[in-house]
């Protein structure tokens, strides 16, 4: 993400983060309820303004690593919620009240699950120790603009020199130490994070290796380090301190042996489906790994498909299917390709097989629903489409699909309702008033009026965020 956009978002955060009940709380203790409200608003803002990666295979993997560590945390006043941000910077950040965001750059550039777990454990330590809340409490007498700058700095740790200047420009002399994560905060997050990592069964070496990878790539890329590596004490000192813990471990297991196969599978999918396809194809062709040739074949197939090299993509998908015919990820991606090529019967069989194994895969659901609609089964297709939007309320494509299907069936209230959501979440602002008006006119039953009310609340929330965006 460009530095300018980061700066604009930070300006907007100044208004968003400190409106309503949280602002009043600054005159006294920053309570758990204040933190919950602040975290909720930050989460809504991030979801509205950042490019999120909503692929359930990737999201569930990151969530599973997080939950493995979370299960060994002390009792928390709020649940941990993790979201994947589609951004190639090596970053992760913890917002107030347990909201955590992991950038795809970590999935692309780290080398094992244990390394990823090391970064997540560090961020979870910031959450459990309520470092942001404690810093807010320490900073009660500092004006809101200064406090907003501090929190913007937490978010912008990997955003480059412009973001760092923005964060520090609002800090006054000696007050900076009170607002940023302190030396003690970072040491505590390192040490407690290591404890969480060990309890979850990951080797401590994972955190050390992760920090070393991030530091090394910083020198090659010229980008600033994420917040958790840019804060004093120096990176080398912190890595050395962690290395002492590694040497004290009774087990000599390497992080590269912990969850690597599963990690490489997700890494392949992120690179193939969500980065530049030409670069991805080069990476797959240069890979000499013999551990998972099925996944390499699938990665090449996805990249070739995105480059519109259809014949080669088809051959690569067939190789992947021959190699791993029962793999739900291979079935999902090959099924989508077959659908795009008009091979509806085979696409439907593959996608159904994928869903039989992974019932929560909303991408497979959406594509399967489209094959059912093409086959003349709109009722079944709508049921599956409704499940997609239940799980992903902001999925504009699924809402648009349901709107068209319901319109074809003469269900005009449902059609305009879904098309309104599609306009709201798909940046179709010009069509939004029309569909809202039509939904109002057709809302006759109590259930319909309740659904209209939910739509109006979503629109109001969106307008609130728009007003705060420069």
Protein backbone atom coordinates (compact mmCIF):
# COMPACT_ATOMS: atom_id res chain seq x y z
CA UNK A 1 0.00 0.00 0.00
CA UNK A 2 1.38 3.41 -0.93
CA UNK A 3 2.57 5.68 1.88
CA UNK A 4 0.12 8.42 0.83
CA UNK A 5 -2.83 6.10 1.31
CA UNK A 6 -1.49 5.08 4.71
CA UNK A 7 -1.27 8.75 5.63
CA UNK A 8 -4.85 9.44 4.55
CA UNK A 9 -6.09 6.46 6.53
CA UNK A 10 -4.26 7.66 9.61
CA UNK A 11 -5.89 11.09 9.32
CA UNK A 12 -9.27 9.38 9.13
CA UNK A 13 -8.42 7.26 12.15
CA UNK A 14 -8.03 10.44 14.18
CA UNK A 15 -11.75 11.10 13.80
CA UNK A 16 -12.88 7.50 13.97
CA UNK A 17 -10.94 6.22 16.93
CA UNK A 18 -11.82 9.03 19.29
CA UNK A 19 -15.48 9.76 18.85
CA UNK A 20 -18.36 8.72 21.10
CA UNK A 21 -17.89 6.82 24.33
CA UNK A 22 -14.16 6.19 23.99
CA UNK A 23 -13.35 9.90 24.03
CA UNK A 24 -15.09 10.39 27.36
CA UNK A 25 -13.17 7.49 28.83
CA UNK A 26 -9.88 9.34 28.40
CA UNK A 27 -10.65 11.45 31.47
CA UNK A 28 -10.50 8.32 33.64
CA UNK A 29 -9.40 4.74 33.29
CA UNK A 30 -9.48 3.17 29.85
CA UNK A 31 -11.85 0.34 30.71
CA UNK A 32 -12.37 -3.05 29.11
CA UNK A 33 -15.65 -1.79 27.64
CA UNK A 34 -13.89 1.26 26.20
CA UNK A 35 -11.32 -1.01 24.62
CA UNK A 36 -14.04 -3.26 23.18
CA UNK A 37 -15.77 -0.26 21.59
CA UNK A 38 -12.52 1.13 20.23
CA UNK A 39 -11.50 -2.25 18.85
CA UNK A 40 -14.87 -2.69 17.16
CA UNK A 41 -14.57 0.67 15.39
CA UNK A 42 -11.00 0.02 14.32
CA UNK A 43 -12.03 -3.37 12.95
CA UNK A 44 -14.87 -1.83 10.94
CA UNK A 45 -12.56 0.82 9.57
CA UNK A 46 -9.91 -1.70 8.51
CA UNK A 47 -12.51 -3.92 6.87
CA UNK A 48 -13.86 -0.96 4.93
CA UNK A 49 -10.58 0.52 3.75
CA UNK A 50 -8.08 -2.31 3.40
CA UNK A 51 -7.83 -5.06 0.82
CA UNK A 52 -8.73 -8.14 2.84
CA UNK A 53 -7.99 -11.66 1.68
CA UNK A 54 -11.27 -13.50 2.15
CA UNK A 55 -10.19 -16.86 0.79
CA UNK A 56 -11.47 -19.27 3.48
CA UNK A 57 -8.62 -21.73 2.95
CA UNK A 58 -6.05 -19.05 3.79
CA UNK A 59 -8.15 -17.43 6.53
CA UNK A 60 -8.87 -20.74 8.27
CA UNK A 61 -5.21 -21.70 8.18
CA UNK A 62 -4.08 -18.45 9.82
CA UNK A 63 -6.95 -18.78 12.31
CA UNK A 64 -5.92 -22.34 13.15
CA UNK A 65 -2.35 -21.26 13.97
CA UNK A 66 -3.73 -18.40 16.07
CA UNK A 67 -6.19 -20.65 17.89
CA UNK A 68 -3.47 -23.20 18.65
CA UNK A 69 -1.58 -20.46 20.49
CA UNK A 70 -4.72 -18.84 21.91
CA UNK A 71 -5.73 -22.08 23.61
CA UNK A 72 -2.72 -21.64 25.92
CA UNK A 73 -3.38 -18.00 26.83
CA UNK A 74 -4.71 -16.99 30.24
CA UNK A 75 -8.44 -16.10 30.32
CA UNK A 76 -9.13 -12.98 28.22
CA UNK A 77 -11.95 -10.40 28.52
CA UNK A 78 -12.56 -10.54 24.76
CA UNK A 79 -12.20 -13.13 21.99
CA UNK A 80 -9.26 -13.09 19.58
CA UNK A 81 -10.27 -12.23 16.01
CA UNK A 82 -7.72 -12.56 13.20
CA UNK A 83 -8.06 -11.19 9.66
CA UNK A 84 -5.71 -11.59 6.68
CA UNK A 85 -4.79 -8.35 4.88
CA UNK A 86 -3.77 -8.67 1.22
CA UNK A 87 -0.55 -6.68 1.47
CA UNK A 88 2.95 -7.97 0.69
CA UNK A 89 4.68 -6.11 3.54
CA UNK A 90 6.05 -8.37 6.27
CA UNK A 91 3.74 -7.13 8.95
CA UNK A 92 1.14 -8.04 11.53
CA UNK A 93 -0.51 -5.79 14.07
CA UNK A 94 -2.79 -6.15 17.05
CA UNK A 95 -5.56 -3.57 17.45
CA UNK A 96 -7.41 -3.00 20.74
CA UNK A 97 -9.73 -5.70 22.14
CA UNK A 98 -8.13 -8.71 20.49
CA UNK A 99 -8.47 -7.75 16.83
CA UNK A 100 -5.39 -8.92 14.96
CA UNK A 101 -4.40 -8.46 11.32
CA UNK A 102 -1.81 -10.58 9.47
CA UNK A 103 -0.41 -9.39 6.15
CA UNK A 104 0.04 -11.84 3.28
CA UNK A 105 3.68 -10.74 3.09
CA UNK A 106 4.35 -12.93 6.12
CA UNK A 107 2.83 -15.92 4.36
CA UNK A 108 4.85 -15.23 1.21
CA UNK A 109 8.27 -14.57 2.74
CA UNK A 110 8.50 -16.59 5.94
CA UNK A 111 9.64 -20.19 5.63
CA UNK A 112 7.60 -22.25 8.06
CA UNK A 113 4.51 -22.36 10.20
CA UNK A 114 6.62 -22.01 13.33
CA UNK A 115 8.00 -18.72 12.05
CA UNK A 116 4.49 -17.45 11.38
CA UNK A 117 3.46 -18.66 14.82
CA UNK A 118 6.37 -16.72 16.32
CA UNK A 119 5.07 -13.43 14.92
CA UNK A 120 1.49 -14.23 15.94
CA UNK A 121 2.60 -15.18 19.47
CA UNK A 122 4.41 -11.85 19.79
CA UNK A 123 1.28 -9.95 18.73
CA UNK A 124 -0.91 -12.00 21.06
CA UNK A 125 1.39 -11.04 23.90
CA UNK A 126 0.71 -7.37 23.12
CA UNK A 127 -3.01 -8.23 23.32
CA UNK A 128 -2.92 -10.17 26.58
CA UNK A 129 -0.78 -7.53 28.28
CA UNK A 130 -3.12 -4.79 26.95
CA UNK A 131 -0.15 -2.68 25.88
CA UNK A 132 -2.24 -0.31 23.75
CA UNK A 133 -4.75 0.20 26.58
CA UNK A 134 -1.97 0.74 29.12
CA UNK A 135 -0.33 3.33 26.87
CA UNK A 136 -3.65 5.13 26.43
CA UNK A 137 -4.09 5.23 30.20
CA UNK A 138 -0.57 6.60 30.63
CA UNK A 139 -1.32 9.28 28.04
CA UNK A 140 -4.57 10.67 29.46
CA UNK A 141 -3.35 14.25 29.56
CA UNK A 142 -2.20 14.29 25.93
CA UNK A 143 -4.62 15.71 23.37
CA UNK A 144 -6.61 13.43 21.11
CA UNK A 145 -4.66 14.29 18.00
CA UNK A 146 -1.43 13.19 19.69
CA UNK A 147 -3.05 10.00 20.92
CA UNK A 148 -4.40 9.29 17.44
CA UNK A 149 -0.88 9.72 16.11
CA UNK A 150 0.35 7.10 18.54
CA UNK A 151 -2.22 4.53 17.43
CA UNK A 152 -1.61 5.41 13.79
CA UNK A 153 2.04 4.59 14.48
CA UNK A 154 1.04 1.17 15.75
CA UNK A 155 -0.75 0.49 12.46
CA UNK A 156 1.83 2.11 10.21
CA UNK A 157 4.90 0.34 11.51
CA UNK A 158 5.63 -1.19 8.10
CA UNK A 159 4.48 1.73 6.01
CA UNK A 160 7.76 3.44 5.25
CA UNK A 161 9.35 6.75 6.16
CA UNK A 162 6.26 8.82 5.39
CA UNK A 163 4.11 6.89 7.83
CA UNK A 164 6.75 7.04 10.54
CA UNK A 165 6.96 10.83 10.12
CA UNK A 166 3.20 11.08 10.35
CA UNK A 167 3.13 9.06 13.56
CA UNK A 168 5.99 10.95 15.19
CA UNK A 169 4.98 14.38 13.94
CA UNK A 170 2.20 14.55 16.52
CA UNK A 171 4.41 13.54 19.42
CA UNK A 172 5.89 16.15 21.71
CA UNK A 173 9.39 15.53 22.99
CA UNK A 174 9.46 13.30 26.05
CA UNK A 175 5.83 12.29 25.55
CA UNK A 176 6.85 10.00 22.67
CA UNK A 177 8.13 7.30 25.02
CA UNK A 178 4.76 7.16 26.77
CA UNK A 179 2.84 6.79 23.52
CA UNK A 180 4.84 4.28 21.53
CA UNK A 181 5.41 0.69 22.57
CA UNK A 182 8.13 1.00 25.19
CA UNK A 183 11.29 -1.06 25.49
CA UNK A 184 9.56 -2.91 28.27
CA UNK A 185 6.47 -3.54 26.10
CA UNK A 186 8.55 -5.10 23.35
CA UNK A 187 10.72 -7.15 25.69
CA UNK A 188 7.59 -8.35 27.45
CA UNK A 189 5.91 -9.26 24.14
CA UNK A 190 9.04 -11.17 23.10
CA UNK A 191 9.38 -13.09 26.35
CA UNK A 192 5.69 -13.79 26.93
CA UNK A 193 5.24 -14.60 23.24
CA UNK A 194 8.02 -17.19 23.52
CA UNK A 195 6.19 -18.71 26.50
CA UNK A 196 2.95 -18.92 24.47
CA UNK A 197 4.87 -20.41 21.54
CA UNK A 198 6.40 -23.15 23.67
CA UNK A 199 3.11 -24.01 25.35
CA UNK A 200 1.48 -24.39 21.93
CA UNK A 201 4.16 -26.90 20.92
CA UNK A 202 6.14 -24.67 18.57
CA UNK A 203 9.93 -24.36 18.91
CA UNK A 204 11.21 -20.99 20.16
CA UNK A 205 13.53 -20.96 17.16
CA UNK A 206 10.45 -20.05 15.09
CA UNK A 207 10.30 -16.54 16.57
CA UNK A 208 14.05 -16.02 16.19
CA UNK A 209 14.01 -17.16 12.57
CA UNK A 210 10.99 -14.99 11.77
CA UNK A 211 12.66 -11.87 13.12
CA UNK A 212 15.85 -12.71 11.22
CA UNK A 213 13.93 -13.19 7.94
CA UNK A 214 12.14 -9.88 8.41
CA UNK A 215 15.37 -8.06 9.23
CA UNK A 216 17.17 -9.58 6.23
CA UNK A 217 14.39 -8.70 3.78
CA UNK A 218 14.35 -5.16 5.13
CA UNK A 219 17.89 -4.61 3.87
CA UNK A 220 17.05 -5.99 0.45
CA UNK A 221 13.77 -4.10 0.05
CA UNK A 222 14.67 -0.79 1.70
CA UNK A 223 11.38 -0.83 3.61
CA UNK A 224 11.18 0.07 7.25
CA UNK A 225 10.79 -2.68 9.80
CA UNK A 226 7.41 -3.56 11.31
CA UNK A 227 6.63 -1.98 14.66
CA UNK A 228 7.65 -5.04 16.65
CA UNK A 229 11.16 -4.95 15.15
CA UNK A 230 11.67 -1.19 14.90
CA UNK A 231 11.19 -0.36 18.58
CA UNK A 232 14.19 -0.07 20.92
CA UNK A 233 16.00 -2.12 22.13
CA UNK A 234 17.77 -2.93 18.87
CA UNK A 235 16.75 -5.87 16.73
CA UNK A 236 20.08 -7.60 17.20
CA UNK A 237 19.82 -7.36 20.99
CA UNK A 238 16.30 -8.77 20.96
CA UNK A 239 17.23 -11.64 18.66
CA UNK A 240 20.23 -12.42 20.87
CA UNK A 241 18.01 -12.49 23.95
CA UNK A 242 15.61 -14.88 22.24
CA UNK A 243 18.49 -17.01 21.00
CA UNK A 244 19.46 -17.51 24.65
CA UNK A 245 16.03 -19.04 25.23
CA UNK A 246 16.54 -21.29 22.22
CA UNK A 247 19.81 -22.62 23.56
CA UNK A 248 18.06 -23.42 26.85
CA UNK A 249 15.47 -25.64 25.15
CA UNK A 250 15.77 -29.36 25.77
CA UNK A 251 14.42 -30.09 22.31
CA UNK A 252 16.60 -29.30 19.35
CA UNK A 253 13.73 -29.34 16.88
CA UNK A 254 13.92 -26.87 14.04
CA UNK A 255 11.00 -24.64 13.15
CA UNK A 256 11.44 -25.75 9.56
CA UNK A 257 10.11 -29.14 10.67
CA UNK A 258 7.00 -27.74 12.31
CA UNK A 259 4.03 -27.43 10.00
CA UNK A 260 6.13 -26.72 6.91
CA UNK A 261 4.05 -28.78 4.48
CA UNK A 262 0.81 -27.10 5.52
CA UNK A 263 2.49 -23.70 5.44
CA UNK A 264 3.92 -24.28 1.94
CA UNK A 265 0.47 -25.25 0.70
CA UNK A 266 -0.98 -21.91 1.85
CA UNK A 267 2.08 -20.05 0.59
CA UNK A 268 1.54 -21.60 -2.85
CA UNK A 269 -2.12 -20.54 -2.93
CA UNK A 270 -1.40 -16.94 -1.89
CA UNK A 271 1.40 -16.61 -4.44
CA UNK A 272 -0.53 -18.23 -7.29
CA UNK A 273 -3.96 -16.67 -6.78
CA UNK A 274 -3.24 -13.29 -5.17
CA UNK A 275 0.11 -11.95 -6.43
CA UNK A 276 1.32 -10.98 -9.90
CA UNK A 277 0.76 -14.14 -11.98
CA UNK A 278 3.87 -13.70 -14.15
CA UNK A 279 6.12 -13.45 -11.10
CA UNK A 280 4.30 -16.36 -9.48
CA UNK A 281 4.82 -18.55 -12.54
CA UNK A 282 8.55 -17.78 -12.54
CA UNK A 283 8.72 -18.68 -8.84
CA UNK A 284 6.97 -22.02 -9.41
CA UNK A 285 9.16 -22.86 -12.41
CA UNK A 286 12.31 -22.06 -10.41
CA UNK A 287 11.26 -24.17 -7.41
CA UNK A 288 13.17 -27.43 -7.12
CA UNK A 289 11.24 -28.81 -4.14
CA UNK A 290 10.25 -32.46 -4.38
CA UNK A 291 8.16 -32.42 -1.20
CA UNK A 292 4.87 -31.44 -2.80
CA UNK A 293 4.90 -31.61 -6.58
CA UNK A 294 1.08 -31.72 -6.59
CA UNK A 295 0.91 -28.25 -5.06
CA UNK A 296 3.55 -26.93 -7.45
CA UNK A 297 1.49 -28.24 -10.37
CA UNK A 298 -1.59 -26.53 -8.94
CA UNK A 299 0.31 -23.28 -8.45
CA UNK A 300 1.46 -23.30 -12.07
CA UNK A 301 -2.09 -24.07 -13.22
CA UNK A 302 -3.58 -21.12 -11.31
CA UNK A 303 -0.88 -18.72 -12.55
CA UNK A 304 -1.31 -19.90 -16.16
CA UNK A 305 -5.09 -19.54 -15.88
CA UNK A 306 -4.72 -15.95 -14.64
CA UNK A 307 -2.34 -15.25 -17.56
CA UNK A 308 -5.06 -16.59 -19.90
CA UNK A 309 -2.78 -19.30 -21.23
CA UNK A 310 -5.77 -21.59 -21.28
CA UNK A 311 -4.39 -24.70 -22.98
CA UNK A 312 -1.32 -24.82 -20.74
CA UNK A 313 -3.47 -24.15 -17.68
CA UNK A 314 -5.77 -27.02 -18.58
CA UNK A 315 -2.81 -29.39 -18.90
CA UNK A 316 -1.43 -28.22 -15.54
CA UNK A 317 -4.79 -28.71 -13.84
CA UNK A 318 -5.00 -32.25 -15.23
CA UNK A 319 -1.52 -32.97 -13.81
CA UNK A 320 -2.60 -31.63 -10.43
CA UNK A 321 -5.77 -33.75 -10.51
CA UNK A 322 -3.82 -36.86 -11.49
CA UNK A 323 -1.39 -36.18 -8.65
CA UNK A 324 -3.97 -35.36 -5.95
CA UNK A 325 -7.45 -36.34 -7.19
CA UNK A 326 -9.05 -36.16 -3.74
CA UNK A 327 -7.47 -32.92 -2.53
CA UNK A 328 -10.28 -30.37 -1.90
CA UNK A 329 -8.09 -27.40 -2.85
CA UNK A 330 -7.15 -29.01 -6.16
CA UNK A 331 -10.81 -29.89 -6.74
CA UNK A 332 -11.92 -26.33 -5.95
CA UNK A 333 -9.45 -24.60 -8.22
CA UNK A 334 -9.82 -27.10 -11.06
CA UNK A 335 -13.61 -26.92 -10.71
CA UNK A 336 -13.52 -23.15 -11.06
CA UNK A 337 -11.34 -23.46 -14.17
CA UNK A 338 -13.71 -26.02 -15.71
CA UNK A 339 -16.65 -23.70 -15.01
CA UNK A 340 -14.91 -20.83 -16.79
CA UNK A 341 -14.28 -23.11 -19.76
CA UNK A 342 -17.96 -24.09 -19.94
CA UNK A 343 -17.38 -27.66 -18.78
CA UNK A 344 -20.28 -27.42 -16.36
CA UNK A 345 -20.85 -31.09 -15.50
CA UNK A 346 -17.23 -31.70 -14.58
CA UNK A 347 -17.02 -28.36 -12.76
CA UNK A 348 -20.10 -29.23 -10.70
CA UNK A 349 -18.71 -32.65 -9.75
CA UNK A 350 -15.35 -31.24 -8.72
CA UNK A 351 -16.83 -28.40 -6.68
CA UNK A 352 -19.33 -30.71 -5.00
CA UNK A 353 -16.47 -33.06 -4.08
CA UNK A 354 -14.49 -30.14 -2.65
CA UNK A 355 -17.46 -29.04 -0.53
CA UNK A 356 -18.08 -32.56 0.72
CA UNK A 357 -14.67 -32.31 2.41
CA UNK A 358 -14.59 -28.60 3.27
CA UNK A 359 -18.13 -27.47 4.10
CA UNK A 360 -17.01 -23.94 5.02
CA UNK A 361 -15.21 -23.08 1.77
CA UNK A 362 -17.29 -20.12 0.58
CA UNK A 363 -15.33 -19.83 -2.68
CA UNK A 364 -16.26 -23.39 -3.62
CA UNK A 365 -19.84 -22.67 -2.50
CA UNK A 366 -20.11 -19.60 -4.72
CA UNK A 367 -18.74 -21.32 -7.79
CA UNK A 368 -20.86 -24.42 -7.14
CA UNK A 369 -23.96 -22.24 -6.85
CA UNK A 370 -23.20 -20.80 -10.27
CA UNK A 371 -22.96 -24.26 -11.83
CA UNK A 372 -26.33 -25.16 -10.29
CA UNK A 373 -27.92 -22.01 -11.68
CA UNK A 374 -26.54 -22.84 -15.13
CA UNK A 375 -27.97 -26.36 -14.78
CA UNK A 376 -31.47 -25.00 -14.14
CA UNK A 377 -31.62 -25.51 -10.37
CA UNK A 378 -32.11 -21.93 -9.06
CA UNK A 379 -33.64 -22.91 -5.70
CA UNK A 380 -30.64 -25.03 -4.71
CA UNK A 381 -28.32 -22.34 -6.07
CA UNK A 382 -30.02 -19.63 -3.99
CA UNK A 383 -29.79 -21.70 -0.79
CA UNK A 384 -26.06 -22.04 -1.25
CA UNK A 385 -25.68 -18.38 -2.22
CA UNK A 386 -27.54 -17.34 0.93
CA UNK A 387 -25.11 -19.42 2.99
CA UNK A 388 -22.21 -17.58 1.33
CA UNK A 389 -23.56 -14.14 2.31
CA UNK A 390 -24.42 -15.39 5.79
CA UNK A 391 -20.78 -16.27 6.26
CA UNK A 392 -19.47 -13.27 4.27
CA UNK A 393 -21.99 -10.43 4.60
CA UNK A 394 -19.78 -8.04 2.59
CA UNK A 395 -19.40 -10.36 -0.43
CA UNK A 396 -20.61 -8.05 -3.21
CA UNK A 397 -20.34 -10.67 -5.97
CA UNK A 398 -22.49 -13.15 -4.06
CA UNK A 399 -25.11 -10.46 -3.35
CA UNK A 400 -25.18 -9.47 -7.03
CA UNK A 401 -25.56 -13.13 -8.05
CA UNK A 402 -28.45 -13.62 -5.61
CA UNK A 403 -30.07 -10.37 -6.75
CA UNK A 404 -30.11 -11.51 -10.36
CA UNK A 405 -31.42 -14.99 -9.50
CA UNK A 406 -34.19 -13.65 -7.25
CA UNK A 407 -35.18 -11.14 -9.93
CA UNK A 408 -35.48 -13.92 -12.50
CA UNK A 409 -37.80 -15.77 -10.09
CA UNK A 410 -39.98 -12.68 -9.54
CA UNK A 411 -38.84 -12.27 -5.89
CA UNK A 412 -38.40 -8.53 -6.25
CA UNK A 413 -37.94 -7.58 -2.58
CA UNK A 414 -35.10 -10.10 -2.21
CA UNK A 415 -33.68 -9.04 -5.58
CA UNK A 416 -33.46 -5.34 -4.73
CA UNK A 417 -32.24 -6.10 -1.19
CA UNK A 418 -29.27 -8.11 -2.47
CA UNK A 419 -28.55 -5.66 -5.27
CA UNK A 420 -28.49 -2.87 -2.68
CA UNK A 421 -25.88 -4.78 -0.68
CA UNK A 422 -23.95 -5.45 -3.89
CA UNK A 423 -23.93 -1.72 -4.63
CA UNK A 424 -22.97 -0.86 -1.05
CA UNK A 425 -20.03 -3.27 -0.83
CA UNK A 426 -19.04 -3.28 -4.49
CA UNK A 427 -18.63 0.48 -4.90
CA UNK A 428 -21.79 0.83 -7.01
CA UNK A 429 -22.88 3.99 -5.24
CA UNK A 430 -24.92 5.31 -8.15
CA UNK A 431 -27.29 2.31 -7.99
CA UNK A 432 -27.63 2.20 -4.21
CA UNK A 433 -30.45 4.80 -3.73
CA UNK A 434 -32.58 3.13 -6.41
CA UNK A 435 -32.37 -0.33 -4.86
CA UNK A 436 -32.92 1.02 -1.34
CA UNK A 437 -36.06 2.82 -2.48
CA UNK A 438 -37.37 -0.29 -4.21
CA UNK A 439 -36.65 -2.36 -1.11
CA UNK A 440 -38.60 0.13 1.02
CA UNK A 441 -41.58 0.00 -1.32
CA UNK A 442 -41.69 -3.80 -1.23
CA UNK A 443 -41.09 -4.37 2.50
CA UNK A 444 -44.58 -5.55 3.57
CA UNK A 445 -44.00 -8.32 6.12
CA UNK A 446 -42.34 -7.91 9.52
CA UNK A 447 -39.43 -10.09 8.42
CA UNK A 448 -38.92 -7.93 5.33
CA UNK A 449 -38.98 -4.76 7.43
CA UNK A 450 -36.35 -6.26 9.74
CA UNK A 451 -34.13 -7.06 6.78
CA UNK A 452 -34.64 -3.53 5.46
CA UNK A 453 -33.64 -2.16 8.87
CA UNK A 454 -30.40 -4.21 8.78
CA UNK A 455 -29.66 -2.80 5.33
CA UNK A 456 -30.23 0.75 6.53
CA UNK A 457 -27.90 0.19 9.49
CA UNK A 458 -25.19 -1.08 7.12
CA UNK A 459 -25.65 1.98 4.89
CA UNK A 460 -25.47 4.33 7.89
CA UNK A 461 -22.25 2.70 9.09
CA UNK A 462 -20.76 3.02 5.63
CA UNK A 463 -21.66 6.71 5.43
CA UNK A 464 -20.09 7.30 8.83
CA UNK A 465 -16.83 5.81 7.59
CA UNK A 466 -17.01 7.79 4.33
CA UNK A 467 -17.26 11.06 6.23
CA UNK A 468 -14.09 10.20 8.11
CA UNK A 469 -12.11 9.33 5.00
CA UNK A 470 -10.14 12.19 3.40
